Amino acid sequence: MSADQKILKYMTEQNRPYSATDVLNNLHKEIGKTQVVKSLESLAKSGSLVEKVYGKQKIYFLNQSNLPTLGEGVLKELEADIATKSRDVTSLRDETRQLDTELNGLSKSLTTEQARARVADLDEQLERGKEKLCSLKGVCKDISPGDKEAINKEHDQLTKEWRRRKRMCMDVVNAILENDGCVKSKRELLEEMGVDTDEDTGCQIPGL
């Protein structure tokens, strides 16, 4: 195979623009530099390659017009294949992103030893809670229906007495305020008398 044939074969296979130095190095200097330059110029003159000059450098690439054209059917098949592969790439990218998210989540999770230690700690807390509950059950006693009724009755009586005494106190205060000689406000009078209302102490009379 002649130098022209080797270079043309290489340029056809690569179908990329190269300088003479690129071709020389890519062919591992099987052909001398002088011959590479001569072959490239010869192939350009014959129309097999196209020569472009950029300043002092010449670039050569395969003449695309010499390549066989693809039929419309082949082009449609290629376009369909490209669309399928694009969808596959998108799907794989999404799957990779999901796997990365899962991996990050796993990296932040407890290790097996940490999980075992955590379970042991929770078991210990549960046992302490059970012991405390058992001790409380031993102290508490059930209230009989009779005792419950007596407690509720006493509660109602004390609540009624609370209401009665509050009403009496307010009646006295209001009577003083209605006196023509009293120039104090209700709040000032209560403070002077040293009376704290339920509202002052945050108390509220429970319902009966």
Protein backbone atom coordinates (compact mmCIF):
# COMPACT_ATOMS: atom_id res chain seq x y z
CA MET A 1 0.00 0.00 0.00
CA SER A 2 1.42 3.35 -1.07
CA ALA A 3 1.81 6.33 1.26
CA ASP A 4 -1.12 8.11 -0.45
CA GLN A 5 -3.32 5.07 0.04
CA LYS A 6 -2.38 4.69 3.74
CA ILE A 7 -3.02 8.35 4.45
CA LEU A 8 -6.32 8.38 2.53
CA LYS A 9 -7.44 5.24 4.38
CA TYR A 10 -6.60 6.86 7.72
CA MET A 11 -8.33 10.15 6.86
CA THR A 12 -11.42 8.25 5.68
CA GLU A 13 -11.62 6.20 8.87
CA GLN A 14 -11.17 9.22 11.14
CA ASN A 15 -13.10 11.75 9.04
CA ARG A 16 -11.62 14.61 11.06
CA PRO A 17 -9.46 17.63 10.17
CA TYR A 18 -5.72 17.14 10.71
CA SER A 19 -2.51 18.97 9.98
CA ALA A 20 0.48 17.22 8.43
CA THR A 21 2.09 16.99 11.89
CA ASP A 22 -1.07 15.39 13.31
CA VAL A 23 -1.11 12.76 10.58
CA LEU A 24 2.61 12.10 11.05
CA ASN A 25 2.24 11.55 14.79
CA ASN A 26 -1.02 9.60 14.57
CA LEU A 27 0.54 7.17 12.12
CA HIS A 28 3.44 6.79 14.56
CA LYS A 29 5.86 8.17 11.96
CA GLU A 30 5.50 5.13 9.70
CA ILE A 31 5.75 7.62 6.86
CA GLY A 32 8.33 10.40 6.82
CA LYS A 33 7.19 13.99 7.29
CA THR A 34 8.21 15.05 3.78
CA GLN A 35 6.20 12.23 2.25
CA VAL A 36 3.20 12.98 4.50
CA VAL A 37 3.17 16.59 3.29
CA LYS A 38 3.50 15.50 -0.37
CA SER A 39 0.73 12.90 -0.02
CA LEU A 40 -1.68 15.34 1.64
CA GLU A 41 -1.09 17.94 -1.08
CA SER A 42 -1.49 15.28 -3.77
CA LEU A 43 -4.73 13.96 -2.27
CA ALA A 44 -6.06 17.52 -2.01
CA LYS A 45 -5.29 18.18 -5.68
CA SER A 46 -7.03 14.96 -6.70
CA GLY A 47 -10.15 15.97 -4.75
CA SER A 48 -9.94 13.15 -2.21
CA LEU A 49 -9.13 15.64 0.55
CA VAL A 50 -9.94 19.30 1.10
CA GLU A 51 -7.15 21.73 2.04
CA LYS A 52 -7.76 24.80 4.23
CA VAL A 53 -5.03 27.34 5.00
CA TYR A 54 -5.06 29.15 8.36
CA GLY A 55 -2.12 31.54 8.44
CA LYS A 56 1.00 29.41 8.03
CA GLN A 57 -0.79 26.17 8.85
CA LYS A 58 -2.60 23.88 6.44
CA ILE A 59 -5.46 21.66 7.56
CA TYR A 60 -6.73 18.66 5.61
CA PHE A 61 -9.99 16.73 5.91
CA LEU A 62 -11.94 14.22 3.87
CA ASN A 63 -13.93 15.60 0.95
CA GLN A 64 -17.48 15.03 2.20
CA SER A 65 -18.93 15.14 -1.28
CA ASN A 66 -17.16 11.84 -2.02
CA LEU A 67 -19.02 10.05 0.77
CA PRO A 68 -22.08 7.97 -0.19
CA THR A 69 -25.40 9.67 0.56
CA LEU A 70 -27.91 7.92 2.78
CA GLY A 71 -31.42 7.20 1.58
CA GLU A 72 -34.44 8.77 3.26
CA GLY A 73 -35.38 5.43 4.83
CA VAL A 74 -31.93 5.02 6.37
CA LEU A 75 -32.01 8.59 7.72
CA LYS A 76 -35.40 7.98 9.37
CA GLU A 77 -34.08 4.79 10.95
CA LEU A 78 -31.06 6.67 12.28
CA GLU A 79 -33.26 9.47 13.64
CA ALA A 80 -35.51 6.94 15.34
CA ASP A 81 -32.47 5.17 16.80
CA ILE A 82 -31.09 8.51 18.07
CA ALA A 83 -34.46 9.36 19.68
CA THR A 84 -34.59 5.94 21.38
CA LYS A 85 -31.05 6.25 22.69
CA SER A 86 -31.78 9.80 23.91
CA ARG A 87 -34.73 8.49 25.93
CA ASP A 88 -32.54 5.72 27.30
CA VAL A 89 -29.91 8.26 28.33
CA THR A 90 -32.54 10.40 30.06
CA SER A 91 -33.94 7.36 31.86
CA LEU A 92 -30.48 6.26 32.97
CA ARG A 93 -29.68 9.81 34.14
CA ASP A 94 -32.87 9.87 36.25
CA GLU A 95 -32.11 6.45 37.65
CA THR A 96 -28.57 7.51 38.50
CA ARG A 97 -29.88 10.64 40.25
CA GLN A 98 -32.31 8.52 42.29
CA LEU A 99 -29.57 6.08 43.24
CA ASP A 100 -27.34 8.98 44.30
CA THR A 101 -30.15 10.28 46.52
CA GLU A 102 -30.64 6.85 48.09
CA LEU A 103 -26.90 6.50 48.59
CA ASN A 104 -26.71 9.87 50.33
CA GLY A 105 -29.61 8.86 52.56
CA LEU A 106 -27.92 5.58 53.46
CA SER A 107 -24.66 7.35 54.22
CA LYS A 108 -26.50 9.49 56.76
CA SER A 109 -28.27 6.52 58.38
CA LEU A 110 -27.09 4.73 61.48
CA THR A 111 -24.57 1.97 61.11
CA THR A 112 -25.48 -1.52 62.29
CA GLU A 113 -23.58 -1.04 65.54
CA GLN A 114 -25.15 2.37 66.14
CA ALA A 115 -28.61 0.94 65.48
CA ARG A 116 -28.03 -1.91 67.95
CA ALA A 117 -26.83 0.54 70.60
CA ARG A 118 -29.89 2.72 70.01
CA VAL A 119 -32.25 -0.27 70.34
CA ALA A 120 -30.53 -1.34 73.57
CA ASP A 121 -30.90 2.19 74.97
CA LEU A 122 -34.60 2.29 74.07
CA ASP A 123 -35.14 -1.12 75.66
CA GLU A 124 -33.52 0.14 78.85
CA GLN A 125 -35.73 3.23 78.89
CA LEU A 126 -38.78 1.03 78.36
CA GLU A 127 -37.88 -1.20 81.28
CA ARG A 128 -37.40 1.83 83.54
CA GLY A 129 -40.79 3.12 82.44
CA LYS A 130 -42.43 -0.22 83.23
CA GLU A 131 -40.84 -0.29 86.69
CA LYS A 132 -42.04 3.24 87.42
CA LEU A 133 -45.55 2.39 86.25
CA CYS A 134 -45.67 -0.71 88.47
CA SER A 135 -44.52 1.33 91.49
CA LEU A 136 -47.21 3.94 90.86
CA LYS A 137 -49.86 1.26 90.59
CA GLY A 138 -48.78 -0.09 93.96
CA VAL A 139 -49.18 3.31 95.64
CA CYS A 140 -52.49 4.34 94.09
CA LYS A 141 -55.71 2.92 95.44
CA ASP A 142 -59.04 2.62 93.71
CA ILE A 143 -61.67 5.14 94.81
CA SER A 144 -65.00 3.60 95.77
CA PRO A 145 -68.23 5.08 94.32
CA GLY A 146 -69.17 6.30 97.81
CA ASP A 147 -65.88 8.16 98.29
CA LYS A 148 -66.15 9.66 94.84
CA GLU A 149 -69.67 10.94 95.57
CA ALA A 150 -68.52 12.45 98.90
CA ILE A 151 -65.57 14.21 97.19
CA ASN A 152 -67.81 15.65 94.47
CA LYS A 153 -70.33 16.82 97.09
CA GLU A 154 -67.64 18.57 99.13
CA HIS A 155 -66.28 20.16 95.94
CA ASP A 156 -69.70 21.59 95.11
CA GLN A 157 -70.15 22.96 98.63
CA LEU A 158 -66.75 24.67 98.62
CA THR A 159 -67.41 26.15 95.18
CA LYS A 160 -70.75 27.58 96.32
CA GLU A 161 -69.09 29.08 99.41
CA TRP A 162 -66.37 30.60 97.22
CA ARG A 163 -69.00 32.25 95.03
CA ARG A 164 -70.96 33.50 98.08
CA ARG A 165 -67.95 35.09 99.75
CA LYS A 166 -66.80 36.70 96.51
CA ARG A 167 -70.25 38.18 96.00
CA MET A 168 -70.32 39.53 99.57
CA CYS A 169 -66.90 41.14 99.15
CA MET A 170 -67.87 42.79 95.88
CA ASP A 171 -71.12 44.06 97.43
CA VAL A 172 -69.13 45.82 100.17
CA VAL A 173 -66.72 47.33 97.62
CA ASN A 174 -69.56 48.53 95.40
CA ALA A 175 -71.34 50.05 98.41
CA ILE A 176 -68.24 52.07 99.30
CA LEU A 177 -67.82 53.22 95.71
CA GLU A 178 -71.43 54.41 95.60
CA ASN A 179 -70.78 56.68 98.58
CA ASP A 180 -70.71 60.33 97.49
CA GLY A 181 -67.49 60.95 99.42
CA CYS A 182 -65.51 58.17 97.62
CA VAL A 183 -63.33 59.51 94.82
CA LYS A 184 -61.26 56.36 94.25
CA SER A 185 -61.64 53.93 91.38
CA LYS A 186 -62.53 50.31 92.03
CA ARG A 187 -58.96 49.22 91.37
CA GLU A 188 -57.49 51.83 93.70
CA LEU A 189 -59.98 50.88 96.44
CA LEU A 190 -59.17 47.18 96.16
CA GLU A 191 -55.43 47.90 96.35
CA GLU A 192 -55.94 50.11 99.41
CA MET A 193 -57.99 47.38 101.10
CA GLY A 194 -55.36 44.77 100.21
CA VAL A 195 -57.85 42.66 98.26
CA ASP A 196 -56.59 40.41 95.49
CA THR A 197 -59.27 39.40 93.01
CA ASP A 198 -59.48 36.03 91.33
CA GLU A 199 -58.38 37.71 88.13
CA ASP A 200 -55.26 39.14 89.83
CA THR A 201 -54.16 35.69 91.01
CA GLY A 202 -55.14 33.88 87.81
CA CYS A 203 -57.84 31.85 89.58
CA GLN A 204 -61.15 30.87 88.08
CA ILE A 205 -64.18 29.53 89.95
CA PRO A 206 -64.84 26.00 88.68
CA GLY A 207 -68.23 25.10 87.34
CA LEU A 208 -70.68 23.20 89.45
